[in-house]
Amino acid sequence: MTVGIGVICDALAYRDQPGSDVIRFYQALARDQAFESFHLPLPALRASLETGDSGRLSALRLSDRAAASLWTAEPQSALQLLPAERFDLLFCRTLKPFPPRHL
C-alpha cells in the first residue's frame, strides 16, 4: 500500500538553491515507491482556500523528471485537479522563516 502525500511549497523560491534540503526532499520522495507523491503549488492552494474550494487540489505528480525540473518553472500544464481525499498526508516543506500569512 502506498501513502498519498502532498508536499506544499513555492518551488520557484528555491530555484537559486540547487543543493537545498527542500529540493533533495522532493527528489527522494519522487524515487520512494512507498509514496504516491505530489507537489501542491502554494499559489494554487491559496487560491483554493480563498474561494472555499478545498475539496479538490491542484497537484503535480512527482517523478524524477518533475522533481528535477520543478525548480526552474512550475509546469502548470501537468497539474491535475485531485480530490482532497486522495492525500493521506499534506506536508508543508517551506523553510522557516515563513513568509507573512503563510500558515
Protein backbone atom coordinates (compact mmCIF):
# COMPACT_ATOMS: atom_id res chain seq x y z
CA MET A 1 0.00 0.00 0.00
CA THR A 2 1.30 3.45 -0.87
CA VAL A 3 0.76 6.63 1.09
CA GLY A 4 -0.59 9.65 -0.82
CA ILE A 5 1.48 12.65 0.22
CA GLY A 6 1.02 16.22 -0.92
CA VAL A 7 4.03 18.46 -0.41
CA ILE A 8 3.27 22.17 -0.24
CA CYS A 9 5.82 24.84 -1.13
CA ASP A 10 6.59 27.66 -3.50
CA ALA A 11 9.06 25.73 -5.64
CA LEU A 12 10.34 28.75 -7.51
CA ALA A 13 11.53 30.29 -4.25
CA TYR A 14 14.32 27.66 -4.26
CA ARG A 15 15.46 27.98 -7.89
CA ASP A 16 18.72 29.67 -6.84
CA GLN A 17 19.49 27.00 -4.22
CA PRO A 18 20.38 23.82 -6.16
CA GLY A 19 21.62 21.97 -3.06
CA SER A 20 18.64 22.94 -0.92
CA ASP A 21 17.18 20.42 1.55
CA VAL A 22 13.78 21.15 0.01
CA ILE A 23 14.96 20.08 -3.45
CA ARG A 24 16.67 16.95 -2.11
CA PHE A 25 13.50 16.07 -0.15
CA TYR A 26 11.39 16.28 -3.33
CA GLN A 27 13.89 14.16 -5.26
CA ALA A 28 13.91 11.49 -2.54
CA LEU A 29 10.11 11.36 -2.47
CA ALA A 30 9.99 11.00 -6.25
CA ARG A 31 12.13 7.86 -6.01
CA ASP A 32 10.43 6.29 -2.97
CA GLN A 33 7.87 3.70 -4.05
CA ALA A 34 6.17 3.76 -0.63
CA PHE A 35 4.68 7.14 -1.51
CA GLU A 36 2.42 8.43 -4.23
CA SER A 37 3.91 11.90 -4.09
CA PHE A 38 2.54 15.18 -5.37
CA HIS A 39 3.70 18.78 -5.35
CA LEU A 40 0.96 21.21 -4.38
CA PRO A 41 1.89 24.68 -5.67
CA LEU A 42 1.45 27.20 -2.90
CA PRO A 43 -0.29 29.82 -5.11
CA ALA A 44 -2.85 27.26 -6.34
CA LEU A 45 -3.51 26.02 -2.81
CA ARG A 46 -4.00 29.57 -1.53
CA ALA A 47 -6.48 30.25 -4.36
CA SER A 48 -8.46 27.11 -3.46
CA LEU A 49 -8.60 28.06 0.20
CA GLU A 50 -9.61 31.65 -0.54
CA THR A 51 -12.55 30.50 -2.66
CA GLY A 52 -13.55 27.89 -0.09
CA ASP A 53 -12.97 25.08 -2.60
CA SER A 54 -10.60 22.84 -0.69
CA GLY A 55 -12.28 19.62 -1.81
CA ARG A 56 -10.16 19.47 -4.97
CA LEU A 57 -6.50 20.45 -5.07
CA SER A 58 -4.17 21.28 -7.96
CA ALA A 59 -1.28 18.85 -7.83
CA LEU A 60 1.71 17.70 -9.86
CA ARG A 61 2.61 14.02 -9.59
CA LEU A 62 6.29 13.78 -8.63
CA SER A 63 8.62 11.78 -10.81
CA ASP A 64 12.39 12.03 -11.15
CA ARG A 65 11.89 14.37 -14.10
CA ALA A 66 9.30 16.54 -12.35
CA ALA A 67 11.40 16.75 -9.19
CA ALA A 68 14.39 17.86 -11.25
CA SER A 69 12.62 20.46 -13.40
CA LEU A 70 10.18 21.90 -10.87
CA TRP A 71 12.71 24.44 -9.64
CA THR A 72 13.15 26.22 -12.97
CA ALA A 73 9.48 26.72 -13.84
CA GLU A 74 6.37 25.23 -12.30
CA PRO A 75 4.76 23.15 -15.08
CA GLN A 76 1.18 24.37 -14.98
CA SER A 77 0.11 22.13 -17.86
CA ALA A 78 0.94 18.97 -15.88
CA LEU A 79 -1.21 19.92 -12.88
CA GLN A 80 -4.12 17.63 -12.06
CA LEU A 81 -7.19 18.58 -10.05
CA LEU A 82 -7.42 15.83 -7.43
CA PRO A 83 -9.92 15.19 -4.64
CA ALA A 84 -8.52 16.09 -1.22
CA GLU A 85 -9.30 12.54 -0.06
CA ARG A 86 -6.53 11.26 -2.35
CA PHE A 87 -3.97 12.55 0.16
CA ASP A 88 -3.18 10.74 3.38
CA LEU A 89 -0.79 13.50 4.42
CA LEU A 90 -0.23 17.13 3.48
CA PHE A 91 3.22 18.38 4.36
CA CYS A 92 4.47 21.97 4.31
CA ARG A 93 8.05 21.91 3.03
CA THR A 94 8.71 25.64 3.12
CA LEU A 95 11.82 26.57 5.08
CA LYS A 96 11.50 28.91 8.04
CA PRO A 97 11.11 31.81 8.48
CA PHE A 98 7.74 31.56 6.80
CA PRO A 99 6.56 34.43 4.61
CA PRO A 100 3.81 36.62 6.16
CA ARG A 101 0.41 34.88 6.29
CA HIS A 102 1.98 31.62 5.07
CA LEU A 103 0.25 29.33 7.52
